[in-house]
Amino acid sequence: MLNCLYRYKIYVEGNAWSVSEKYILACDSPVLFVTTLFQDILSRALVAGKHYWPINREHICKSIKFAVDWGNEHPAQARLIGEQGSRFVREEMSMDYVYDYMLHLLTEYAKLLWYKPTVPEKAVEICTESMACPARGLHRECMMGSMERHAAGFEPCTLPPPFTEEEAKEIADREAEVLRNVENMEG
């Protein structure tokens, strides 16, 4: 893939949720991840310093320069961060997990509805093939790769319980420590 030809990849959040985070992490390149105030369903388990290199959003240019210089001086460690990020994507961000989560989410959401949804009389069904067939190249490959191939023969996933306050604090403290260490290294 052409977008995987670079030694480093940079991820910066946009104004809305984006799937690019997954594809950027999948390239075996160390990802320079501009810190964010938000987490999504895919990134909650990412660990700064293990799956990506954190970039300080207050000093982006200085932080990126330091990260690249550090990575060039420590190529084996930088490569390991890239490989661990890619492994995380392969093992923890599979489309099966995403579809499982979406089924769970929609099933739970449906329980909250006060009415029974119906298909409008003049609705037109759009199937995956009709959307993917006209696509070409990498666009088609990505669409076909994310296509659901069968309906699940089981109930939606059972999500683990939310983090306890103690667990959430432990995760936040670990993340803060990594960010402090990187900030101290940057000087």
C-alpha atoms as a PDB file:
ATOM      1  CA  MET A   1       0.000   0.000   0.000  1.00  0.00           C
ATOM      2  CA  LEU A   2       1.322   3.407  -0.925  1.00  0.00           C
ATOM      3  CA  ASN A   3       0.385   4.968   2.387  1.00  0.00           C
ATOM      4  CA  CYS A   4       2.658   2.474   4.189  1.00  0.00           C
ATOM      5  CA  LEU A   5       5.888   3.603   2.539  1.00  0.00           C
ATOM      6  CA  TYR A   6       6.891   6.128   5.177  1.00  0.00           C
ATOM      7  CA  ARG A   7       9.181   5.658   8.154  1.00  0.00           C
ATOM      8  CA  TYR A   8       6.802   7.550  10.456  1.00  0.00           C
ATOM      9  CA  LYS A   9       3.058   8.123  10.325  1.00  0.00           C
ATOM     10  CA  ILE A  10       1.257  11.000  12.035  1.00  0.00           C
ATOM     11  CA  TYR A  11      -2.271  10.772  13.365  1.00  0.00           C
ATOM     12  CA  VAL A  12      -4.144  13.983  14.157  1.00  0.00           C
ATOM     13  CA  GLU A  13      -7.799  13.870  15.092  1.00  0.00           C
ATOM     14  CA  GLY A  14     -10.209  15.789  12.917  1.00  0.00           C
ATOM     15  CA  ASN A  15     -13.578  17.302  13.654  1.00  0.00           C
ATOM     16  CA  ALA A  16     -15.405  13.973  13.621  1.00  0.00           C
ATOM     17  CA  TRP A  17     -14.695  10.292  14.176  1.00  0.00           C
ATOM     18  CA  SER A  18     -12.338   8.843  11.610  1.00  0.00           C
ATOM     19  CA  VAL A  19     -11.369   5.312  10.680  1.00  0.00           C
ATOM     20  CA  SER A  20      -7.940   6.448   9.459  1.00  0.00           C
ATOM     21  CA  GLU A  21      -6.439   5.814  12.894  1.00  0.00           C
ATOM     22  CA  LYS A  22      -6.727   2.058  12.328  1.00  0.00           C
ATOM     23  CA  TYR A  23      -5.105   2.175   8.892  1.00  0.00           C
ATOM     24  CA  ILE A  24      -2.305   4.468  10.037  1.00  0.00           C
ATOM     25  CA  LEU A  25      -1.483   2.112  12.914  1.00  0.00           C
ATOM     26  CA  ALA A  26      -1.529  -0.923  10.589  1.00  0.00           C
ATOM     27  CA  CYS A  27       1.558   0.104   8.588  1.00  0.00           C
ATOM     28  CA  ASP A  28       4.324  -1.173  10.924  1.00  0.00           C
ATOM     29  CA  SER A  29       5.641   2.401  11.084  1.00  0.00           C
ATOM     30  CA  PRO A  30       5.851   4.172  14.430  1.00  0.00           C
ATOM     31  CA  VAL A  31       2.770   6.372  14.720  1.00  0.00           C
ATOM     32  CA  LEU A  32       3.222   9.870  16.077  1.00  0.00           C
ATOM     33  CA  PHE A  33      -0.151  10.338  17.730  1.00  0.00           C
ATOM     34  CA  VAL A  34      -1.135  13.904  18.598  1.00  0.00           C
ATOM     35  CA  THR A  35      -2.682  13.645  22.050  1.00  0.00           C
ATOM     36  CA  THR A  36      -6.427  14.006  22.179  1.00  0.00           C
ATOM     37  CA  LEU A  37      -9.022  14.677  24.815  1.00  0.00           C
ATOM     38  CA  PHE A  38     -11.262  11.978  23.364  1.00  0.00           C
ATOM     39  CA  GLN A  39     -11.233   8.214  23.068  1.00  0.00           C
ATOM     40  CA  ASP A  40     -13.219   6.019  20.743  1.00  0.00           C
ATOM     41  CA  ILE A  41     -14.142   2.361  20.804  1.00  0.00           C
ATOM     42  CA  LEU A  42     -10.980   1.401  18.963  1.00  0.00           C
ATOM     43  CA  SER A  43      -8.379   3.432  20.806  1.00  0.00           C
ATOM     44  CA  ARG A  44      -9.286   2.928  24.466  1.00  0.00           C
ATOM     45  CA  ALA A  45      -6.761   0.131  24.844  1.00  0.00           C
ATOM     46  CA  LEU A  46      -3.898   1.810  22.981  1.00  0.00           C
ATOM     47  CA  VAL A  47      -0.902   2.432  25.224  1.00  0.00           C
ATOM     48  CA  ALA A  48       1.316   5.465  24.690  1.00  0.00           C
ATOM     49  CA  GLY A  49       4.948   4.463  24.282  1.00  0.00           C
ATOM     50  CA  LYS A  50       3.971   0.915  23.343  1.00  0.00           C
ATOM     51  CA  HIS A  51       1.569   1.222  20.399  1.00  0.00           C
ATOM     52  CA  TYR A  52       2.356   4.818  19.426  1.00  0.00           C
ATOM     53  CA  TRP A  53       4.558   7.780  20.304  1.00  0.00           C
ATOM     54  CA  PRO A  54       2.568  10.600  21.952  1.00  0.00           C
ATOM     55  CA  ILE A  55       2.856  14.074  20.448  1.00  0.00           C
ATOM     56  CA  ASN A  56       2.126  17.051  22.689  1.00  0.00           C
ATOM     57  CA  ARG A  57      -0.783  18.967  21.172  1.00  0.00           C
ATOM     58  CA  GLU A  58       0.492  22.201  22.770  1.00  0.00           C
ATOM     59  CA  HIS A  59       3.907  22.002  21.035  1.00  0.00           C
ATOM     60  CA  ILE A  60       3.230  19.871  17.969  1.00  0.00           C
ATOM     61  CA  CYS A  61       6.216  20.875  15.812  1.00  0.00           C
ATOM     62  CA  LYS A  62       8.760  20.610  18.633  1.00  0.00           C
ATOM     63  CA  SER A  63       7.264  17.318  19.766  1.00  0.00           C
ATOM     64  CA  ILE A  64       7.268  15.799  16.258  1.00  0.00           C
ATOM     65  CA  LYS A  65      10.873  16.877  15.678  1.00  0.00           C
ATOM     66  CA  PHE A  66      11.915  15.282  18.960  1.00  0.00           C
ATOM     67  CA  ALA A  67      10.015  12.062  18.178  1.00  0.00           C
ATOM     68  CA  VAL A  68      11.624  11.744  14.741  1.00  0.00           C
ATOM     69  CA  ASP A  69      15.095  12.505  16.128  1.00  0.00           C
ATOM     70  CA  TRP A  70      14.539   9.974  18.930  1.00  0.00           C
ATOM     71  CA  GLY A  71      13.284   7.362  16.467  1.00  0.00           C
ATOM     72  CA  ASN A  72      16.264   7.912  14.177  1.00  0.00           C
ATOM     73  CA  GLU A  73      18.632   7.510  17.141  1.00  0.00           C
ATOM     74  CA  HIS A  74      16.762   4.436  18.452  1.00  0.00           C
ATOM     75  CA  PRO A  75      15.617   2.628  15.280  1.00  0.00           C
ATOM     76  CA  ALA A  76      15.035  -0.758  16.936  1.00  0.00           C
ATOM     77  CA  GLN A  77      12.813   0.759  19.643  1.00  0.00           C
ATOM     78  CA  ALA A  78      10.948   2.891  17.097  1.00  0.00           C
ATOM     79  CA  ARG A  79      10.421  -0.148  14.870  1.00  0.00           C
ATOM     80  CA  LEU A  80       9.104  -2.096  17.880  1.00  0.00           C
ATOM     81  CA  ILE A  81       6.529   0.634  18.589  1.00  0.00           C
ATOM     82  CA  GLY A  82       5.389   0.426  14.963  1.00  0.00           C
ATOM     83  CA  GLU A  83       5.182  -3.360  15.057  1.00  0.00           C
ATOM     84  CA  GLN A  84       3.273  -3.381  18.348  1.00  0.00           C
ATOM     85  CA  GLY A  85       0.809  -0.828  16.971  1.00  0.00           C
ATOM     86  CA  SER A  86       0.245  -2.990  13.895  1.00  0.00           C
ATOM     87  CA  ARG A  87      -0.155  -6.118  16.008  1.00  0.00           C
ATOM     88  CA  PHE A  88      -2.730  -4.293  18.122  1.00  0.00           C
ATOM     89  CA  VAL A  89      -4.709  -3.435  14.982  1.00  0.00           C
ATOM     90  CA  ARG A  90      -4.591  -7.019  13.691  1.00  0.00           C
ATOM     91  CA  GLU A  91      -5.523  -8.610  17.003  1.00  0.00           C
ATOM     92  CA  GLU A  92      -7.792  -6.058  18.685  1.00  0.00           C
ATOM     93  CA  MET A  93      -9.335  -3.966  15.900  1.00  0.00           C
ATOM     94  CA  SER A  94     -10.539  -6.682  13.552  1.00  0.00           C
ATOM     95  CA  MET A  95     -13.707  -6.000  11.593  1.00  0.00           C
ATOM     96  CA  ASP A  96     -15.302  -8.971  13.364  1.00  0.00           C
ATOM     97  CA  TYR A  97     -14.886  -7.106  16.656  1.00  0.00           C
ATOM     98  CA  VAL A  98     -16.182  -3.882  15.135  1.00  0.00           C
ATOM     99  CA  TYR A  99     -19.272  -5.610  13.730  1.00  0.00           C
ATOM    100  CA  ASP A 100     -19.783  -7.447  17.014  1.00  0.00           C
ATOM    101  CA  TYR A 101     -19.665  -4.146  18.879  1.00  0.00           C
ATOM    102  CA  MET A 102     -22.002  -2.475  16.385  1.00  0.00           C
ATOM    103  CA  LEU A 103     -24.515  -5.333  16.736  1.00  0.00           C
ATOM    104  CA  HIS A 104     -24.303  -5.014  20.514  1.00  0.00           C
ATOM    105  CA  LEU A 105     -24.734  -1.244  20.356  1.00  0.00           C
ATOM    106  CA  LEU A 106     -27.724  -1.372  18.002  1.00  0.00           C
ATOM    107  CA  THR A 107     -29.367  -4.183  19.974  1.00  0.00           C
ATOM    108  CA  GLU A 108     -29.034  -2.254  23.230  1.00  0.00           C
ATOM    109  CA  TYR A 109     -30.178   0.978  21.557  1.00  0.00           C
ATOM    110  CA  ALA A 110     -33.250  -0.786  20.150  1.00  0.00           C
ATOM    111  CA  LYS A 111     -34.289  -1.663  23.703  1.00  0.00           C
ATOM    112  CA  LEU A 112     -34.550   2.062  24.455  1.00  0.00           C
ATOM    113  CA  LEU A 113     -36.920   2.854  21.586  1.00  0.00           C
ATOM    114  CA  TRP A 114     -40.520   3.631  22.482  1.00  0.00           C
ATOM    115  CA  TYR A 115     -41.803   2.680  19.039  1.00  0.00           C
ATOM    116  CA  LYS A 116     -41.311  -0.139  16.579  1.00  0.00           C
ATOM    117  CA  PRO A 117     -39.294   0.996  13.557  1.00  0.00           C
ATOM    118  CA  THR A 118     -40.739   0.099  10.167  1.00  0.00           C
ATOM    119  CA  VAL A 119     -39.305   0.186   6.674  1.00  0.00           C
ATOM    120  CA  PRO A 120     -40.879   3.033   4.673  1.00  0.00           C
ATOM    121  CA  GLU A 121     -43.082   1.850   1.804  1.00  0.00           C
ATOM    122  CA  LYS A 122     -40.882   3.356  -0.941  1.00  0.00           C
ATOM    123  CA  ALA A 123     -37.545   2.489   0.669  1.00  0.00           C
ATOM    124  CA  VAL A 124     -34.876   1.100  -1.646  1.00  0.00           C
ATOM    125  CA  GLU A 125     -32.473  -1.471  -0.279  1.00  0.00           C
ATOM    126  CA  ILE A 126     -28.847  -0.795  -1.072  1.00  0.00           C
ATOM    127  CA  CYS A 127     -26.683  -3.875  -0.909  1.00  0.00           C
ATOM    128  CA  THR A 128     -22.956  -3.901  -0.327  1.00  0.00           C
ATOM    129  CA  GLU A 129     -22.207  -5.287  -3.756  1.00  0.00           C
ATOM    130  CA  SER A 130     -24.014  -2.429  -5.503  1.00  0.00           C
ATOM    131  CA  MET A 131     -21.809   0.024  -3.628  1.00  0.00           C
ATOM    132  CA  ALA A 132     -18.536  -1.878  -3.991  1.00  0.00           C
ATOM    133  CA  CYS A 133     -18.816  -3.132  -7.573  1.00  0.00           C
ATOM    134  CA  PRO A 134     -18.330   0.259  -9.267  1.00  0.00           C
ATOM    135  CA  ALA A 135     -15.350   1.053  -7.026  1.00  0.00           C
ATOM    136  CA  ARG A 136     -11.871   0.359  -8.360  1.00  0.00           C
ATOM    137  CA  GLY A 137      -8.415  -0.307  -6.959  1.00  0.00           C
ATOM    138  CA  LEU A 138      -7.636   0.248  -3.302  1.00  0.00           C
ATOM    139  CA  HIS A 139     -11.054   1.799  -2.686  1.00  0.00           C
ATOM    140  CA  ARG A 140     -12.770  -1.396  -3.847  1.00  0.00           C
ATOM    141  CA  GLU A 141     -10.297  -3.562  -1.942  1.00  0.00           C
ATOM    142  CA  CYS A 142     -11.040  -1.701   1.301  1.00  0.00           C
ATOM    143  CA  MET A 143     -14.794  -1.851   0.759  1.00  0.00           C
ATOM    144  CA  MET A 144     -14.733  -5.571   0.013  1.00  0.00           C
ATOM    145  CA  GLY A 145     -12.435  -6.192   2.976  1.00  0.00           C
ATOM    146  CA  SER A 146     -14.854  -4.537   5.377  1.00  0.00           C
ATOM    147  CA  MET A 147     -17.968  -6.227   3.970  1.00  0.00           C
ATOM    148  CA  GLU A 148     -19.920  -8.413   6.374  1.00  0.00           C
ATOM    149  CA  ARG A 149     -19.991 -11.864   4.830  1.00  0.00           C
ATOM    150  CA  HIS A 150     -22.607 -13.546   6.997  1.00  0.00           C
ATOM    151  CA  ALA A 151     -25.120 -12.774   9.683  1.00  0.00           C
ATOM    152  CA  ALA A 152     -23.962 -13.724  13.130  1.00  0.00           C
ATOM    153  CA  GLY A 153     -25.534 -16.891  14.438  1.00  0.00           C
ATOM    154  CA  PHE A 154     -25.207 -15.717  18.011  1.00  0.00           C
ATOM    155  CA  GLU A 155     -26.299 -12.960  20.329  1.00  0.00           C
ATOM    156  CA  PRO A 156     -24.333  -9.716  20.388  1.00  0.00           C
ATOM    157  CA  CYS A 157     -21.150  -9.647  22.379  1.00  0.00           C
ATOM    158  CA  THR A 158     -21.179  -9.300  26.099  1.00  0.00           C
ATOM    159  CA  LEU A 159     -19.070  -6.287  26.825  1.00  0.00           C
ATOM    160  CA  PRO A 160     -16.940  -6.260  29.934  1.00  0.00           C
ATOM    161  CA  PRO A 161     -18.256  -4.016  32.684  1.00  0.00           C
ATOM    162  CA  PRO A 162     -17.162  -0.386  32.657  1.00  0.00           C
ATOM    163  CA  PHE A 163     -13.892   0.357  34.370  1.00  0.00           C
ATOM    164  CA  THR A 164     -14.141   0.917  38.082  1.00  0.00           C
ATOM    165  CA  GLU A 165     -13.006   4.315  39.297  1.00  0.00           C
ATOM    166  CA  GLU A 166      -9.801   2.672  40.495  1.00  0.00           C
ATOM    167  CA  GLU A 167      -9.129   1.004  37.116  1.00  0.00           C
ATOM    168  CA  ALA A 168      -9.869   4.215  35.217  1.00  0.00           C
ATOM    169  CA  LYS A 169      -7.526   6.143  37.515  1.00  0.00           C
ATOM    170  CA  GLU A 170      -4.801   3.527  37.050  1.00  0.00           C
ATOM    171  CA  ILE A 171      -5.077   3.783  33.254  1.00  0.00           C
ATOM    172  CA  ALA A 172      -5.116   7.587  33.356  1.00  0.00           C
ATOM    173  CA  ASP A 173      -2.129   7.653  35.727  1.00  0.00           C
ATOM    174  CA  ARG A 174      -0.139   5.286  33.488  1.00  0.00           C
ATOM    175  CA  GLU A 175      -0.914   7.425  30.436  1.00  0.00           C
ATOM    176  CA  ALA A 176      -0.006  10.622  32.303  1.00  0.00           C
ATOM    177  CA  GLU A 177       3.297   9.100  33.419  1.00  0.00           C
ATOM    178  CA  VAL A 178       4.253   8.184  29.842  1.00  0.00           C
ATOM    179  CA  LEU A 179       3.321  11.682  28.665  1.00  0.00           C
ATOM    180  CA  ARG A 180       5.364  13.255  31.495  1.00  0.00           C
ATOM    181  CA  ASN A 181       8.358  11.063  30.635  1.00  0.00           C
ATOM    182  CA  VAL A 182       8.175  12.030  26.958  1.00  0.00           C
ATOM    183  CA  GLU A 183       7.740  15.690  27.876  1.00  0.00           C
ATOM    184  CA  ASN A 184      10.804  15.491  30.159  1.00  0.00           C
ATOM    185  CA  MET A 185      12.795  13.875  27.354  1.00  0.00           C
ATOM    186  CA  GLU A 186      11.750  16.680  24.996  1.00  0.00           C
ATOM    187  CA  GLY A 187      13.104  19.199  27.495  1.00  0.00           C
END
